[in-house]
């Protein structure tokens, strides 16, 4: 009987350590993903300014509409990958996700 109890405790410890590791990986992945998005937003800022200026000057839309259009721009391209996922912070997030994929 004591050996069954010992096995049970070992099993509980193994499950706990595996779940703790999974939570740690999930937390780290969230941090890396946020760093990637932060870097992308910085890289997208100049293009958003261009979109805003073009909207105001060329298309003569209202400031509110132009601000909304510029803010909504996320670097998506027709038939292509979104812009700036090749930044080092994004590459790091992708590599971590690939390494720790379930």
N, C-alpha and C. Protein backbone atom coordinates (compact mmCIF):
# COMPACT_ATOMS: atom_id res chain seq x y z
N UNK A 1 0.80 -1.20 0.00
CA UNK A 1 0.00 0.00 0.00
C UNK A 1 0.85 1.28 0.00
N UNK A 2 1.92 1.36 0.80
CA UNK A 2 2.74 2.55 0.77
C UNK A 2 3.33 2.82 -0.60
N UNK A 3 3.65 1.78 -1.37
CA UNK A 3 4.22 2.01 -2.69
C UNK A 3 3.20 2.66 -3.62
N UNK A 4 1.92 2.33 -3.49
CA UNK A 4 0.88 2.98 -4.30
C UNK A 4 0.75 4.45 -3.93
N UNK A 5 0.83 4.73 -2.66
CA UNK A 5 0.76 6.12 -2.21
C UNK A 5 1.96 6.90 -2.72
N UNK A 6 3.12 6.31 -2.69
CA UNK A 6 4.33 6.94 -3.20
C UNK A 6 4.19 7.22 -4.70
N UNK A 7 3.69 6.25 -5.44
CA UNK A 7 3.48 6.43 -6.88
C UNK A 7 2.48 7.57 -7.15
N UNK A 8 1.45 7.61 -6.35
CA UNK A 8 0.45 8.67 -6.51
C UNK A 8 1.10 10.04 -6.30
N UNK A 9 1.88 10.20 -5.27
CA UNK A 9 2.54 11.48 -5.01
C UNK A 9 3.53 11.84 -6.12
N UNK A 10 4.24 10.86 -6.63
CA UNK A 10 5.16 11.11 -7.75
C UNK A 10 4.37 11.57 -8.96
N UNK A 11 3.25 10.93 -9.24
CA UNK A 11 2.40 11.30 -10.36
C UNK A 11 1.88 12.74 -10.20
N UNK A 12 1.46 13.09 -9.01
CA UNK A 12 0.98 14.44 -8.74
C UNK A 12 2.09 15.47 -8.96
N UNK A 13 3.27 15.16 -8.50
CA UNK A 13 4.41 16.07 -8.67
C UNK A 13 4.75 16.24 -10.15
N UNK A 14 4.74 15.17 -10.90
CA UNK A 14 5.05 15.24 -12.33
C UNK A 14 3.99 16.08 -13.06
N UNK A 15 2.74 15.83 -12.78
CA UNK A 15 1.66 16.60 -13.42
C UNK A 15 1.76 18.07 -13.05
N UNK A 16 2.01 18.35 -11.80
CA UNK A 16 2.15 19.75 -11.37
C UNK A 16 3.31 20.44 -12.07
N UNK A 17 4.44 19.77 -12.17
CA UNK A 17 5.60 20.40 -12.80
C UNK A 17 5.36 20.61 -14.29
N UNK A 18 4.68 19.68 -14.94
CA UNK A 18 4.36 19.85 -16.36
C UNK A 18 3.41 21.01 -16.58
N UNK A 19 2.40 21.13 -15.73
CA UNK A 19 1.45 22.23 -15.90
C UNK A 19 2.10 23.56 -15.56
N UNK A 20 2.98 23.59 -14.58
CA UNK A 20 3.70 24.82 -14.25
C UNK A 20 4.58 25.26 -15.41
N UNK A 21 5.22 24.31 -16.06
CA UNK A 21 6.06 24.62 -17.21
C UNK A 21 5.21 25.15 -18.36
N UNK A 22 4.06 24.55 -18.58
CA UNK A 22 3.16 25.00 -19.65
C UNK A 22 2.69 26.43 -19.39
N UNK A 23 2.35 26.74 -18.14
CA UNK A 23 1.92 28.11 -17.81
C UNK A 23 3.08 29.10 -17.99
N UNK A 24 4.28 28.69 -17.63
CA UNK A 24 5.44 29.57 -17.79
C UNK A 24 5.69 29.85 -19.27
N UNK A 25 5.55 28.83 -20.11
CA UNK A 25 5.74 29.02 -21.55
C UNK A 25 4.66 29.93 -22.12
N UNK A 26 3.43 29.75 -21.66
CA UNK A 26 2.33 30.58 -22.15
C UNK A 26 2.56 32.04 -21.76
N UNK A 27 3.01 32.27 -20.55
CA UNK A 27 3.28 33.64 -20.08
C UNK A 27 4.43 34.26 -20.88
N UNK A 28 5.47 33.50 -21.11
CA UNK A 28 6.61 33.99 -21.89
C UNK A 28 6.18 34.28 -23.32
N UNK A 29 5.34 33.41 -23.89
CA UNK A 29 4.86 33.62 -25.26
C UNK A 29 4.05 34.91 -25.34
N UNK A 30 3.22 35.16 -24.36
CA UNK A 30 2.42 36.39 -24.35
C UNK A 30 3.32 37.63 -24.30
N UNK A 31 4.37 37.57 -23.51
CA UNK A 31 5.31 38.70 -23.43
C UNK A 31 6.03 38.91 -24.76
N UNK A 32 6.45 37.82 -25.39
CA UNK A 32 7.14 37.92 -26.68
C UNK A 32 6.20 38.43 -27.77
N UNK A 33 4.96 37.96 -27.75
CA UNK A 33 3.97 38.44 -28.73
C UNK A 33 3.71 39.93 -28.56
N UNK A 34 3.64 40.38 -27.32
CA UNK A 34 3.41 41.80 -27.06
C UNK A 34 4.60 42.64 -27.52
N UNK A 35 5.80 42.14 -27.30
CA UNK A 35 7.00 42.86 -27.76
C UNK A 35 7.01 42.95 -29.29
N UNK A 36 6.58 41.91 -29.94
CA UNK A 36 6.48 41.91 -31.41
C UNK A 36 5.49 42.98 -31.85
N UNK A 37 4.31 42.99 -31.26
CA UNK A 37 3.28 43.97 -31.65
C UNK A 37 3.73 45.40 -31.34
N UNK A 38 4.42 45.59 -30.24
CA UNK A 38 4.94 46.93 -29.92
C UNK A 38 5.93 47.39 -30.99
N UNK A 39 6.81 46.50 -31.40
CA UNK A 39 7.79 46.83 -32.44
C UNK A 39 7.10 47.11 -33.77
N UNK A 40 6.08 46.33 -34.10
CA UNK A 40 5.33 46.57 -35.33
C UNK A 40 4.63 47.92 -35.31
N UNK A 41 4.05 48.29 -34.18
CA UNK A 41 3.34 49.57 -34.09
C UNK A 41 4.31 50.73 -34.32
N UNK A 42 5.51 50.61 -33.79
CA UNK A 42 6.52 51.66 -34.00
C UNK A 42 6.88 51.73 -35.48
N UNK A 43 7.05 50.57 -36.11
CA UNK A 43 7.42 50.53 -37.52
C UNK A 43 6.28 51.03 -38.42
N UNK A 44 5.05 50.83 -38.01
CA UNK A 44 3.89 51.25 -38.79
C UNK A 44 3.59 52.75 -38.67
N UNK A 45 4.10 53.39 -37.64
CA UNK A 45 3.77 54.80 -37.37
C UNK A 45 4.04 55.73 -38.57
N UNK A 46 5.21 55.66 -39.22
CA UNK A 46 5.43 56.56 -40.36
C UNK A 46 4.42 56.35 -41.50
N UNK A 47 4.06 55.09 -41.75
CA UNK A 47 3.08 54.83 -42.81
C UNK A 47 1.71 55.37 -42.41
N UNK A 48 1.35 55.27 -41.16
CA UNK A 48 0.08 55.82 -40.69
C UNK A 48 0.04 57.34 -40.88
N UNK A 49 1.16 58.00 -40.63
CA UNK A 49 1.23 59.45 -40.86
C UNK A 49 1.02 59.77 -42.33
N UNK A 50 1.63 58.96 -43.21
CA UNK A 50 1.46 59.16 -44.65
C UNK A 50 -0.01 58.97 -45.06
N UNK A 51 -0.62 57.95 -44.53
CA UNK A 51 -2.03 57.68 -44.84
C UNK A 51 -2.90 58.86 -44.40
N UNK A 52 -2.62 59.36 -43.22
CA UNK A 52 -3.39 60.50 -42.71
C UNK A 52 -3.20 61.72 -43.61
N UNK A 53 -1.96 62.04 -43.96
CA UNK A 53 -1.69 63.21 -44.80
C UNK A 53 -2.34 63.07 -46.18
N UNK A 54 -2.23 61.90 -46.77
CA UNK A 54 -2.84 61.67 -48.08
C UNK A 54 -4.36 61.79 -48.01
N UNK A 55 -4.93 61.28 -46.96
CA UNK A 55 -6.37 61.35 -46.76
C UNK A 55 -6.84 62.81 -46.67
N UNK A 56 -6.12 63.63 -45.91
CA UNK A 56 -6.47 65.04 -45.74
C UNK A 56 -6.24 65.82 -47.04
N UNK A 57 -5.06 65.67 -47.61
CA UNK A 57 -4.67 66.51 -48.74
C UNK A 57 -5.24 66.04 -50.07
N UNK A 58 -5.15 64.76 -50.36
CA UNK A 58 -5.55 64.25 -51.67
C UNK A 58 -7.06 63.97 -51.74
N UNK A 59 -7.57 63.32 -50.70
CA UNK A 59 -8.97 62.89 -50.74
C UNK A 59 -9.91 63.88 -50.05
N UNK A 60 -9.36 64.88 -49.37
CA UNK A 60 -10.13 65.97 -48.75
C UNK A 60 -11.21 65.45 -47.79
N UNK A 61 -10.87 64.42 -47.05
CA UNK A 61 -11.80 63.88 -46.05
C UNK A 61 -11.64 64.64 -44.75
N UNK A 62 -12.59 64.45 -43.87
CA UNK A 62 -12.53 65.14 -42.58
C UNK A 62 -11.39 64.58 -41.73
N UNK A 63 -10.96 65.38 -40.77
CA UNK A 63 -9.87 64.97 -39.88
C UNK A 63 -10.25 63.71 -39.12
N UNK A 64 -11.48 63.62 -38.64
CA UNK A 64 -11.92 62.45 -37.88
C UNK A 64 -11.86 61.18 -38.73
N UNK A 65 -12.30 61.28 -39.97
CA UNK A 65 -12.28 60.12 -40.87
C UNK A 65 -10.83 59.72 -41.15
N UNK A 66 -9.99 60.68 -41.41
CA UNK A 66 -8.58 60.39 -41.72
C UNK A 66 -7.85 59.80 -40.52
N UNK A 67 -8.12 60.30 -39.34
CA UNK A 67 -7.52 59.73 -38.13
C UNK A 67 -7.96 58.28 -37.96
N UNK A 68 -9.23 58.03 -38.20
CA UNK A 68 -9.76 56.68 -38.07
C UNK A 68 -9.12 55.73 -39.09
N UNK A 69 -9.00 56.18 -40.33
CA UNK A 69 -8.39 55.34 -41.37
C UNK A 69 -6.92 55.06 -41.06
N UNK A 70 -6.21 56.08 -40.64
CA UNK A 70 -4.79 55.90 -40.32
C UNK A 70 -4.60 54.97 -39.12
N UNK A 71 -5.44 55.13 -38.12
CA UNK A 71 -5.34 54.29 -36.93
C UNK A 71 -5.66 52.83 -37.25
N UNK A 72 -6.58 52.62 -38.18
CA UNK A 72 -7.00 51.26 -38.53
C UNK A 72 -5.96 50.52 -39.37
N UNK A 73 -5.03 51.24 -39.97
CA UNK A 73 -4.02 50.60 -40.82
C UNK A 73 -3.13 49.68 -39.99
N UNK A 74 -3.04 48.42 -40.43
CA UNK A 74 -2.26 47.44 -39.67
C UNK A 74 -1.19 46.74 -40.51
N UNK A 75 -0.91 47.27 -41.68
CA UNK A 75 0.15 46.69 -42.49
C UNK A 75 -0.28 45.47 -43.27
N UNK A 76 -1.58 45.22 -43.38
CA UNK A 76 -2.05 44.09 -44.16
C UNK A 76 -1.89 44.39 -45.65
N UNK A 77 -1.51 43.36 -46.40
CA UNK A 77 -1.32 43.52 -47.84
C UNK A 77 -2.15 42.48 -48.58
N UNK A 78 -2.65 42.87 -49.74
CA UNK A 78 -3.42 41.95 -50.57
C UNK A 78 -2.46 40.88 -51.09
N UNK A 79 -2.84 39.63 -50.92
CA UNK A 79 -2.04 38.48 -51.39
C UNK A 79 -0.62 38.47 -50.82
N UNK A 80 -0.45 38.98 -49.63
CA UNK A 80 0.87 38.96 -49.02
C UNK A 80 0.77 38.96 -47.50
N UNK A 81 1.86 38.70 -46.88
CA UNK A 81 1.90 38.70 -45.42
C UNK A 81 1.85 40.13 -44.91
N UNK A 82 1.30 40.34 -43.72
CA UNK A 82 1.32 41.69 -43.13
C UNK A 82 2.75 42.18 -42.95
N UNK A 83 2.91 43.46 -42.95
CA UNK A 83 4.23 44.07 -42.83
C UNK A 83 4.82 43.91 -41.44
N UNK A 84 6.13 43.87 -41.40
CA UNK A 84 6.95 43.97 -40.20
C UNK A 84 6.92 42.77 -39.26
N UNK A 85 6.52 41.62 -39.75
CA UNK A 85 6.67 40.43 -38.92
C UNK A 85 8.07 39.85 -39.02
N UNK A 86 8.92 40.49 -39.82
CA UNK A 86 10.32 40.05 -39.91
C UNK A 86 11.21 40.78 -38.92
N UNK A 87 10.62 41.64 -38.11
CA UNK A 87 11.41 42.35 -37.09
C UNK A 87 11.98 41.35 -36.08
N UNK A 88 13.14 41.66 -35.50
CA UNK A 88 13.76 40.72 -34.55
C UNK A 88 12.83 40.29 -33.41
N UNK A 89 12.04 41.21 -32.88
CA UNK A 89 11.14 40.83 -31.78
C UNK A 89 10.10 39.81 -32.24
N UNK A 90 9.64 39.95 -33.48
CA UNK A 90 8.65 39.00 -34.01
C UNK A 90 9.30 37.66 -34.33
N UNK A 91 10.49 37.70 -34.88
CA UNK A 91 11.21 36.45 -35.15
C UNK A 91 11.44 35.67 -33.86
N UNK A 92 11.75 36.38 -32.81
CA UNK A 92 11.98 35.73 -31.50
C UNK A 92 10.68 35.08 -31.00
N UNK A 93 9.57 35.79 -31.14
CA UNK A 93 8.27 35.25 -30.71
C UNK A 93 7.90 34.01 -31.53
N UNK A 94 8.11 34.06 -32.85
CA UNK A 94 7.80 32.92 -33.69
C UNK A 94 8.67 31.72 -33.36
N UNK A 95 9.96 31.97 -33.14
CA UNK A 95 10.89 30.88 -32.80
C UNK A 95 10.50 30.21 -31.48
N UNK A 96 10.11 31.02 -30.50
CA UNK A 96 9.71 30.48 -29.20
C UNK A 96 8.44 29.63 -29.37
N UNK A 97 7.48 30.13 -30.15
CA UNK A 97 6.24 29.40 -30.37
C UNK A 97 6.53 28.06 -31.06
N UNK A 98 7.40 28.08 -32.04
CA UNK A 98 7.73 26.86 -32.77
C UNK A 98 8.44 25.87 -31.85
N UNK A 99 9.34 26.35 -31.04
CA UNK A 99 10.10 25.48 -30.13
C UNK A 99 9.20 24.83 -29.08
N UNK A 100 8.18 25.56 -28.64
CA UNK A 100 7.34 25.08 -27.54
C UNK A 100 5.94 24.68 -28.00
N UNK A 101 5.79 24.40 -29.28
CA UNK A 101 4.48 23.97 -29.80
C UNK A 101 4.14 22.61 -29.21
N UNK A 102 2.87 22.49 -28.92
CA UNK A 102 2.41 21.22 -28.30
C UNK A 102 2.17 20.15 -29.31
